[in-house]
Amino acid sequence: MNVAVCTDVGSTYTKVAVVDLDGGGLVSAAAVPTTVGSDVLRGLDAAVGAATVGFGSGEVPWLVCSSAGGGLRLAVVGYEPLVTAQAGRRVGLSAGADVVHVAAGRLGRAEVTALRAARPDVVLLVGGTDGGDAETLTHNATRLARARWRVPVVLAGNVDVRDDLHGLLAGAGVPVTVADNVLPRIGVLAPSSARSAIRQVFLRHVIGGKGLSRGGRFARLVRAATPDAVLSGVEVLADVAGGDLVVVDVGGATTDVYSVLTPDERASGPGREVAGELWRARTVEGDLGVRWSAPGVLRAAVEERLVAAGAVDGLAAEAAVRAADPGFLPADAAGRAVDARIAALAATVALRRHARGVGTGERAGRDLRDVRLLVGSGGVLRHAPDNDAAGVLDAVLTDHAGGWALPRAARPVVDTDYVLAAAGLLAEEHPVAARALLRPLLG
């Protein structure tokens, strides 16, 4: 069989999908706990072994993505908060990063201290359109050089000074990678070059530096951060579906939302965004999750008036148990029902924020009315009884009090085989296999 082994090494579980590269779809799958406490290769090898029983994995290619050890932490330093800094934030989210800090304007001592305190893995340094302002970008690059900055920097600002600033930073010992300007013109967002550069920096500097494995084998295997791979898979799914769609990935620590919209006249009309529009976008809600972040779900649900403050007392104790033990598995139907309730609240709050533009800076949010497919992902949905999983997505599609326009005709499905990340890993080199893998989601 002509197959590939696609693996997502998550913070909790390592998931493997064996895929027929000739377009036959999913061959087999397996999942085992991620061995973060010792060496992630132990769990990875065990998961691959379980998924390839009967035919082995000798010469089979391995395609691996990872969010173990916390994934990719990105800081954005830009010129003006509503333009280049916001454009950089959107690019960072589209690259599968958790954007932990955004700074705008000239960096001073306090701003550099705050940047260090955020503990980014990568800094995206942007500023000025091509041919526009160069002073702020030059100042910030100079400031980082003088601060003996050692965290990798992706330089993606005004092309007129890019080469000079690359030389300045490299000469000061800053690990720097050059990319095209993320905002070459007002209203034009160009994420692909910076997204690729961030991916390469993640592979070159971040994976090996997290202490997840001894030796260099794991770093050589990993091709992308998991959210980056999932976004690529979502893009393939949108192309196959031929319409707008949304994916809600409810995890233990975060709930990620991906949306793909069809560009229309708003892209160039009078209401366009000065920081540019990303028609394929992702937001990360770091306070929403069914394990580590379960208490945050309840706080957010109260703030959003999804539940009354006095009505969460019973759930609060259950949420605390889950936060204290990320590997917690409910032992009965009552425990699974609590998981589903927390997941429904997390998904609803995350969709509200995504649609309103919270975390993206989009003035009008994201118009999801024409979404035709709502995909639920995450272990809590994959392993839930059908009624519980359907209830989580129904909660999103019946959220009439959220201040956003609901999809008018969306069909809910669950990625039960966890194929989105695998499709993203396959997308570039094996597009036929990636599309075949995703077609079952379309029914």
Protein backbone atom coordinates (compact mmCIF):
# COMPACT_ATOMS: atom_id res chain seq x y z
CA MET A 1 0.00 0.00 0.00
CA ASN A 2 1.16 3.54 -0.81
CA VAL A 3 0.54 5.24 2.52
CA ALA A 4 1.80 8.02 4.78
CA VAL A 5 1.75 8.23 8.56
CA CYS A 6 0.32 11.60 9.66
CA THR A 7 0.82 12.39 13.33
CA ASP A 8 -0.22 15.20 15.66
CA VAL A 9 1.80 15.27 18.88
CA GLY A 10 -0.49 17.18 21.21
CA SER A 11 0.05 18.25 24.78
CA THR A 12 -2.20 15.45 26.01
CA TYR A 13 -2.55 12.86 23.24
CA THR A 14 -0.53 11.81 20.21
CA LYS A 15 -2.88 11.02 17.31
CA VAL A 16 -1.91 9.02 14.21
CA ALA A 17 -3.76 8.69 10.91
CA VAL A 18 -2.44 6.33 8.25
CA VAL A 19 -3.59 7.68 4.87
CA ASP A 20 -3.76 6.07 1.42
CA LEU A 21 -1.75 8.43 -0.82
CA ASP A 22 -3.56 7.17 -3.91
CA GLY A 23 -6.80 8.76 -2.74
CA GLY A 24 -8.29 5.91 -0.77
CA GLY A 25 -8.77 7.92 2.40
CA LEU A 26 -8.10 6.81 5.97
CA VAL A 27 -6.51 3.37 6.38
CA SER A 28 -6.16 3.22 10.16
CA ALA A 29 -5.81 5.44 13.21
CA ALA A 30 -4.57 5.33 16.80
CA ALA A 31 -4.07 7.62 19.79
CA VAL A 32 -1.92 7.25 22.90
CA PRO A 33 -1.06 9.67 25.74
CA THR A 34 1.77 12.05 24.83
CA THR A 35 4.88 11.23 26.84
CA VAL A 36 5.84 14.82 27.65
CA GLY A 37 7.19 13.79 31.05
CA SER A 38 9.93 11.63 29.53
CA ASP A 39 10.48 11.80 25.77
CA VAL A 40 7.71 12.51 23.26
CA LEU A 41 9.24 9.98 20.87
CA ARG A 42 8.11 7.17 23.18
CA GLY A 43 4.47 8.09 22.74
CA LEU A 44 4.97 8.89 19.06
CA ASP A 45 6.56 5.51 18.32
CA ALA A 46 3.87 3.71 20.33
CA ALA A 47 1.06 5.48 18.47
CA VAL A 48 2.59 4.79 15.07
CA GLY A 49 3.15 1.16 16.03
CA ALA A 50 -0.50 0.79 17.06
CA ALA A 51 -1.74 2.39 13.83
CA THR A 52 0.47 0.31 11.54
CA VAL A 53 -0.13 -3.15 13.00
CA GLY A 54 -0.21 -5.60 10.12
CA PHE A 55 1.93 -3.73 7.63
CA GLY A 56 4.62 -1.92 9.62
CA SER A 57 6.05 1.55 9.15
CA GLY A 58 9.45 0.67 7.64
CA GLU A 59 9.77 2.91 4.58
CA VAL A 60 6.47 4.73 5.09
CA PRO A 61 6.88 8.54 5.21
CA TRP A 62 6.08 10.21 8.52
CA LEU A 63 4.47 13.68 8.51
CA VAL A 64 4.37 15.17 12.00
CA CYS A 65 2.94 18.32 13.53
CA SER A 66 3.20 19.28 17.19
CA SER A 67 1.66 21.48 19.83
CA ALA A 68 3.36 19.67 22.72
CA GLY A 69 5.09 21.88 25.22
CA GLY A 70 2.66 24.72 24.64
CA GLY A 71 2.92 25.21 20.89
CA LEU A 72 4.28 28.42 19.38
CA ARG A 73 4.23 31.69 21.37
CA LEU A 74 4.42 34.76 19.14
CA ALA A 75 4.86 38.44 19.94
CA VAL A 76 4.05 41.14 17.38
CA VAL A 77 5.83 44.50 17.32
CA GLY A 78 4.36 47.03 14.88
CA TYR A 79 3.97 50.67 13.98
CA GLU A 80 0.36 51.60 14.75
CA PRO A 81 -2.09 49.47 16.77
CA LEU A 82 -4.98 49.54 14.30
CA VAL A 83 -2.90 48.99 11.16
CA THR A 84 0.43 47.17 10.99
CA ALA A 85 0.40 45.79 14.54
CA GLN A 86 -3.09 44.41 13.95
CA ALA A 87 -2.10 43.07 10.55
CA GLY A 88 0.81 41.29 12.20
CA ARG A 89 -1.49 39.80 14.82
CA ARG A 90 -3.77 38.39 12.14
CA VAL A 91 -0.81 36.91 10.28
CA GLY A 92 0.47 35.34 13.49
CA LEU A 93 -2.85 33.68 14.21
CA SER A 94 -3.01 32.39 10.64
CA ALA A 95 0.45 30.85 11.13
CA GLY A 96 -0.75 28.69 13.99
CA ALA A 97 0.76 30.84 16.72
CA ASP A 98 -0.61 31.82 20.09
CA VAL A 99 -0.17 35.60 19.99
CA VAL A 100 0.93 36.35 23.56
CA HIS A 101 1.90 40.02 23.18
CA VAL A 102 1.26 42.93 20.79
CA ALA A 103 3.27 46.17 20.97
CA ALA A 104 2.71 49.22 18.79
CA GLY A 105 4.83 52.31 18.32
CA ARG A 106 8.39 52.94 19.43
CA LEU A 107 9.81 50.48 21.91
CA GLY A 108 11.23 51.98 25.08
CA ARG A 109 12.79 50.31 28.11
CA ALA A 110 9.40 49.47 29.62
CA GLU A 111 8.12 48.06 26.34
CA VAL A 112 11.17 45.82 25.92
CA THR A 113 10.73 44.60 29.51
CA ALA A 114 7.08 43.77 28.80
CA LEU A 115 8.11 41.98 25.62
CA ARG A 116 10.59 39.82 27.55
CA ALA A 117 8.00 39.10 30.23
CA ALA A 118 5.64 37.64 27.61
CA ARG A 119 8.26 34.91 26.90
CA PRO A 120 7.65 34.65 23.15
CA ASP A 121 9.27 31.94 21.06
CA VAL A 122 9.31 34.25 18.02
CA VAL A 123 8.90 37.99 17.47
CA LEU A 124 7.18 39.22 14.31
CA LEU A 125 8.63 42.67 13.63
CA VAL A 126 6.47 44.71 11.25
CA GLY A 127 5.83 48.35 10.42
CA GLY A 128 5.11 50.68 7.54
CA THR A 129 3.74 49.99 4.11
CA ASP A 130 6.29 49.58 1.31
CA GLY A 131 7.62 53.04 0.60
CA GLY A 132 5.85 54.43 3.68
CA ASP A 133 7.01 55.11 7.23
CA ALA A 134 10.35 53.53 8.05
CA GLU A 135 11.34 55.38 11.22
CA THR A 136 9.38 53.29 13.71
CA LEU A 137 10.49 49.97 12.21
CA THR A 138 14.11 51.17 12.19
CA HIS A 139 13.86 52.37 15.78
CA ASN A 140 12.40 49.08 17.00
CA ALA A 141 14.95 46.95 15.18
CA THR A 142 17.73 49.11 16.61
CA ARG A 143 16.25 48.81 20.09
CA LEU A 144 16.16 45.02 19.91
CA ALA A 145 19.72 44.92 18.60
CA ARG A 146 20.97 47.08 21.45
CA ALA A 147 18.98 45.03 24.00
CA ARG A 148 20.99 41.93 23.02
CA TRP A 149 17.79 40.23 21.97
CA ARG A 150 18.23 36.49 21.40
CA VAL A 151 14.70 35.31 20.64
CA PRO A 152 14.27 34.66 16.88
CA VAL A 153 12.82 37.58 14.91
CA VAL A 154 10.86 37.46 11.66
CA LEU A 155 11.30 40.83 9.92
CA ALA A 156 8.27 41.55 7.71
CA GLY A 157 7.95 45.31 7.38
CA ASN A 158 8.71 48.12 4.94
CA VAL A 159 10.76 46.61 2.10
CA ASP A 160 12.75 49.84 1.64
CA VAL A 161 14.73 49.28 4.85
CA ARG A 162 14.45 45.51 5.16
CA ASP A 163 17.95 44.62 4.00
CA ASP A 164 19.62 47.27 6.16
CA LEU A 165 17.69 46.17 9.25
CA HIS A 166 18.45 42.53 8.57
CA GLY A 167 22.14 43.39 8.58
CA LEU A 168 21.75 45.43 11.77
CA LEU A 169 19.99 42.66 13.67
CA ALA A 170 22.18 39.84 12.39
CA GLY A 171 25.29 41.85 13.20
CA ALA A 172 24.07 42.20 16.79
CA GLY A 173 23.60 38.43 17.11
CA VAL A 174 19.82 38.43 16.79
CA PRO A 175 18.51 35.30 14.98
CA VAL A 176 16.60 37.03 12.18
CA THR A 177 14.62 35.78 9.17
CA VAL A 178 13.38 38.09 6.41
CA ALA A 179 9.89 37.91 4.89
CA ASP A 180 7.78 40.08 2.60
CA ASN A 181 5.87 42.97 4.13
CA VAL A 182 2.65 41.77 5.78
CA LEU A 183 0.97 45.06 4.81
CA PRO A 184 2.55 46.24 1.53
CA ARG A 185 -0.30 48.71 0.97
CA ILE A 186 -3.09 50.01 3.16
CA GLY A 187 -5.92 47.50 3.07
CA VAL A 188 -3.79 44.74 1.49
CA LEU A 189 -2.84 41.95 3.88
CA ALA A 190 -0.18 39.56 2.52
CA PRO A 191 0.35 36.78 5.09
CA SER A 192 1.89 33.94 3.09
CA SER A 193 5.58 34.91 3.20
CA ALA A 194 5.57 35.76 6.92
CA ARG A 195 3.51 32.68 7.69
CA SER A 196 6.09 30.52 5.91
CA ALA A 197 8.95 32.26 7.71
CA ILE A 198 7.30 31.76 11.11
CA ARG A 199 6.85 28.08 10.30
CA GLN A 200 10.53 27.72 9.43
CA VAL A 201 11.64 29.53 12.58
CA PHE A 202 9.34 27.29 14.63
CA LEU A 203 10.94 24.21 13.12
CA ARG A 204 14.51 25.49 13.30
CA HIS A 205 14.55 27.14 16.73
CA VAL A 206 11.47 26.33 18.80
CA ILE A 207 10.85 22.59 18.55
CA GLY A 208 14.42 21.69 19.44
CA GLY A 209 14.46 24.19 22.29
CA LYS A 210 11.48 22.86 24.23
CA GLY A 211 13.32 19.85 25.63
CA LEU A 212 10.63 17.47 24.41
CA SER A 213 13.05 14.82 23.21
CA ARG A 214 16.67 13.81 23.45
CA GLY A 215 18.63 14.05 20.25
CA GLY A 216 17.48 15.60 17.01
CA ARG A 217 15.10 13.00 15.57
CA PHE A 218 11.88 14.62 16.80
CA ALA A 219 12.90 18.06 15.51
CA ARG A 220 13.67 16.53 12.11
CA LEU A 221 10.26 14.83 11.96
CA VAL A 222 8.10 17.85 12.81
CA ARG A 223 6.88 19.83 9.80
CA ALA A 224 4.51 22.38 11.38
CA ALA A 225 2.82 23.63 14.50
CA THR A 226 -0.47 21.75 14.88
CA PRO A 227 -2.74 24.82 14.48
CA ASP A 228 -0.86 25.71 11.27
CA ALA A 229 -1.47 22.19 9.92
CA VAL A 230 -5.13 22.32 10.93
CA LEU A 231 -5.62 25.67 9.18
CA SER A 232 -4.11 24.18 6.02
CA GLY A 233 -6.55 21.28 6.35
CA VAL A 234 -9.45 23.69 6.83
CA GLU A 235 -8.41 25.53 3.66
CA VAL A 236 -8.44 22.26 1.70
CA LEU A 237 -11.86 21.40 3.15
CA ALA A 238 -13.21 24.79 2.06
CA ASP A 239 -11.95 24.20 -1.47
CA VAL A 240 -13.61 20.77 -1.53
CA ALA A 241 -16.85 22.10 -0.04
CA GLY A 242 -16.91 25.13 -2.34
CA GLY A 243 -18.37 27.47 0.27
CA ASP A 244 -18.02 29.22 3.61
CA LEU A 245 -17.30 27.07 6.65
CA VAL A 246 -16.31 27.23 10.32
CA VAL A 247 -14.34 24.78 12.45
CA VAL A 248 -14.51 24.86 16.25
CA ASP A 249 -11.71 22.88 17.90
CA VAL A 250 -12.43 22.47 21.62
CA GLY A 251 -9.24 21.45 23.40
CA GLY A 252 -8.12 20.98 26.95
CA ALA A 253 -6.42 24.38 27.25
CA THR A 254 -7.73 26.44 24.32
CA THR A 255 -10.64 26.58 21.93
CA ASP A 256 -9.59 27.50 18.40
CA VAL A 257 -11.97 28.76 15.74
CA TYR A 258 -11.14 28.65 12.03
CA SER A 259 -13.30 30.27 9.37
CA VAL A 260 -13.05 30.40 5.60
CA LEU A 261 -15.19 33.00 3.87
CA THR A 262 -15.72 33.73 0.20
CA PRO A 263 -14.20 37.14 -0.70
CA ASP A 264 -16.74 39.67 -1.94
CA GLU A 265 -16.95 43.35 -2.81
CA ARG A 266 -16.13 44.30 0.78
CA ALA A 267 -12.50 43.38 0.09
CA SER A 268 -12.06 46.55 -1.97
CA GLY A 269 -15.13 48.60 -1.11
CA PRO A 270 -15.36 51.71 1.06
CA GLY A 271 -15.79 49.66 4.23
CA ARG A 272 -12.60 47.66 3.80
CA GLU A 273 -10.27 47.10 6.72
CA VAL A 274 -7.17 49.32 6.70
CA ALA A 275 -5.22 46.41 8.20
CA GLY A 276 -6.40 44.12 5.42
CA GLU A 277 -8.90 41.28 5.40
CA LEU A 278 -8.03 37.65 6.06
CA TRP A 279 -10.69 35.54 4.42
CA ARG A 280 -9.13 32.43 5.93
CA ALA A 281 -8.61 33.15 9.59
CA ARG A 282 -8.10 31.67 13.03
CA THR A 283 -8.63 32.88 16.56
CA VAL A 284 -7.36 31.31 19.77
CA GLU A 285 -9.23 31.53 23.08
CA GLY A 286 -6.66 30.69 25.72
CA ASP A 287 -9.15 30.87 28.60
CA LEU A 288 -11.55 28.33 27.12
CA GLY A 289 -10.89 24.59 27.38
CA VAL A 290 -12.41 21.48 28.94
CA ARG A 291 -9.43 20.56 31.14
CA TRP A 292 -6.76 23.15 32.09
CA SER A 293 -9.04 26.07 31.24
CA ALA A 294 -12.40 24.66 32.40
CA PRO A 295 -12.80 27.30 35.18
CA GLY A 296 -12.19 30.00 32.57
CA VAL A 297 -15.10 28.64 30.52
CA LEU A 298 -17.48 29.22 33.43
CA ARG A 299 -16.18 32.74 34.05
CA ALA A 300 -16.59 33.61 30.37
CA ALA A 301 -20.06 32.05 30.24
CA VAL A 302 -21.19 34.22 33.15
CA GLU A 303 -19.70 37.34 31.52
CA GLU A 304 -21.52 36.48 28.30
CA ARG A 305 -24.75 35.85 30.26
CA LEU A 306 -25.00 32.34 28.92
CA VAL A 307 -25.56 31.20 32.50
CA ALA A 308 -26.43 33.07 35.68
CA ALA A 309 -23.66 33.57 38.22
CA GLY A 310 -25.52 31.52 40.82
CA ALA A 311 -26.12 28.64 38.43
CA VAL A 312 -22.50 27.57 37.94
CA ASP A 313 -21.77 26.37 41.49
CA GLY A 314 -22.32 22.72 40.65
CA LEU A 315 -20.26 22.97 37.47
CA ALA A 316 -17.48 24.87 39.25
CA ALA A 317 -16.47 21.86 41.34
CA GLU A 318 -16.40 19.65 38.24
CA ALA A 319 -14.37 22.26 36.36
CA ALA A 320 -11.83 22.40 39.20
CA VAL A 321 -11.39 18.62 39.06
CA ARG A 322 -10.69 18.80 35.34
CA ALA A 323 -8.25 21.70 35.69
CA ALA A 324 -6.29 19.81 38.34
CA ASP A 325 -6.06 16.64 36.24
CA PRO A 326 -5.75 17.30 32.48
CA GLY A 327 -5.84 13.54 31.86
CA PHE A 328 -9.20 13.21 33.61
CA LEU A 329 -11.68 10.87 31.90
CA PRO A 330 -15.32 10.82 33.04
CA ALA A 331 -16.33 7.46 34.47
CA ASP A 332 -20.05 7.57 33.68
CA ALA A 333 -22.77 9.26 31.66
CA ALA A 334 -23.12 12.05 34.22
CA GLY A 335 -19.43 12.93 33.89
CA ARG A 336 -19.65 12.87 30.10
CA ALA A 337 -22.66 15.17 30.27
CA VAL A 338 -20.61 17.66 32.31
CA ASP A 339 -17.85 17.52 29.67
CA ALA A 340 -20.42 18.20 26.96
CA ARG A 341 -21.89 21.12 28.91
CA ILE A 342 -18.47 22.75 29.41
CA ALA A 343 -17.62 22.12 25.74
CA ALA A 344 -20.88 23.70 24.58
CA LEU A 345 -20.19 26.82 26.63
CA ALA A 346 -16.60 27.00 25.37
CA ALA A 347 -17.65 26.60 21.72
CA THR A 348 -20.43 29.18 22.03
CA VAL A 349 -18.22 31.83 23.66
CA ALA A 350 -15.40 31.17 21.17
CA LEU A 351 -17.75 31.55 18.18
CA ARG A 352 -19.19 34.76 19.62
CA ARG A 353 -15.72 36.26 19.98
CA HIS A 354 -14.61 35.08 16.54
CA ALA A 355 -17.71 36.45 14.82
CA ARG A 356 -17.49 39.78 16.62
CA GLY A 357 -13.83 40.16 15.71
CA VAL A 358 -12.62 39.96 19.32
CA GLY A 359 -8.90 39.24 19.27
CA THR A 360 -8.60 40.13 15.58
CA GLY A 361 -9.37 43.87 15.72
CA GLU A 362 -11.78 43.61 12.79
CA ARG A 363 -14.27 46.44 13.10
CA ALA A 364 -17.25 44.50 11.81
CA GLY A 365 -16.14 41.06 12.94
CA ARG A 366 -16.58 38.11 10.61
CA ASP A 367 -19.78 37.62 8.67
CA LEU A 368 -20.67 33.95 9.12
CA ARG A 369 -24.23 34.07 7.75
CA ASP A 370 -23.34 32.14 4.60
CA VAL A 371 -21.50 29.34 6.41
CA ARG A 372 -22.70 26.02 5.05
CA LEU A 373 -20.63 23.65 7.20
CA LEU A 374 -19.88 23.78 10.94
CA VAL A 375 -17.22 21.24 11.91
CA GLY A 376 -16.65 20.31 15.53
CA SER A 377 -13.25 18.95 16.53
CA GLY A 378 -11.37 18.05 19.69
CA GLY A 379 -11.26 14.94 21.83
CA VAL A 380 -14.29 15.94 23.90
CA LEU A 381 -16.40 15.81 20.72
CA ARG A 382 -14.70 12.88 19.01
CA HIS A 383 -15.18 10.59 22.00
CA ALA A 384 -18.60 11.85 23.11
CA PRO A 385 -21.85 9.99 22.42
CA ASP A 386 -23.51 11.26 19.25
CA ASN A 387 -26.20 13.14 21.14
CA ASP A 388 -23.67 14.98 23.32
CA ALA A 389 -21.51 15.99 20.35
CA ALA A 390 -24.56 17.14 18.39
CA GLY A 391 -25.71 19.13 21.41
CA VAL A 392 -22.44 21.08 21.52
CA LEU A 393 -22.80 22.20 17.89
CA ASP A 394 -26.53 22.84 18.25
CA ALA A 395 -25.74 25.22 21.11
CA VAL A 396 -23.61 27.26 18.72
CA LEU A 397 -26.19 27.29 15.93
CA THR A 398 -29.03 28.38 18.22
CA ASP A 399 -27.13 31.15 20.03
CA HIS A 400 -29.50 34.01 19.23
CA ALA A 401 -28.33 36.24 22.09
CA GLY A 402 -24.67 36.50 21.15
CA GLY A 403 -24.74 39.71 19.14
CA TRP A 404 -23.67 38.05 15.89
CA ALA A 405 -25.55 36.88 12.82
CA LEU A 406 -25.96 33.10 12.93
CA PRO A 407 -25.30 30.89 9.90
CA ARG A 408 -28.55 30.63 7.96
CA ALA A 409 -28.14 27.06 6.70
CA ALA A 410 -25.13 25.35 8.31
CA ARG A 411 -24.84 21.59 8.57
CA PRO A 412 -23.06 20.43 11.76
CA VAL A 413 -20.57 17.54 11.56
CA VAL A 414 -17.87 16.19 13.89
CA ASP A 415 -14.33 15.35 12.78
CA THR A 416 -14.55 11.97 14.51
CA ASP A 417 -11.49 10.56 12.71
CA TYR A 418 -9.37 13.67 13.39
CA VAL A 419 -8.43 14.14 9.74
CA LEU A 420 -8.06 17.94 9.51
CA ALA A 421 -4.48 18.02 10.82
CA ALA A 422 -3.55 15.04 8.64
CA ALA A 423 -5.02 16.72 5.55
CA GLY A 424 -3.05 19.85 6.32
CA LEU A 425 0.17 17.87 6.53
CA LEU A 426 -0.61 16.25 3.17
CA ALA A 427 -1.91 19.36 1.40
CA GLU A 428 1.26 20.58 -0.25
CA GLU A 429 2.85 17.32 -1.44
CA HIS A 430 -0.22 15.06 -1.72
CA PRO A 431 -3.24 17.27 -2.51
CA VAL A 432 -5.31 14.42 -4.00
CA ALA A 433 -4.93 12.35 -0.82
CA ALA A 434 -5.73 15.39 1.34
CA ARG A 435 -8.97 16.06 -0.52
CA ALA A 436 -10.02 12.40 -0.45
CA LEU A 437 -9.37 12.27 3.29
CA LEU A 438 -11.75 15.18 3.92
CA ARG A 439 -14.63 14.24 1.62
CA PRO A 440 -16.40 12.07 4.26
CA LEU A 441 -16.92 15.25 6.30
CA LEU A 442 -19.13 16.52 3.48
CA GLY A 443 -21.40 13.49 3.72
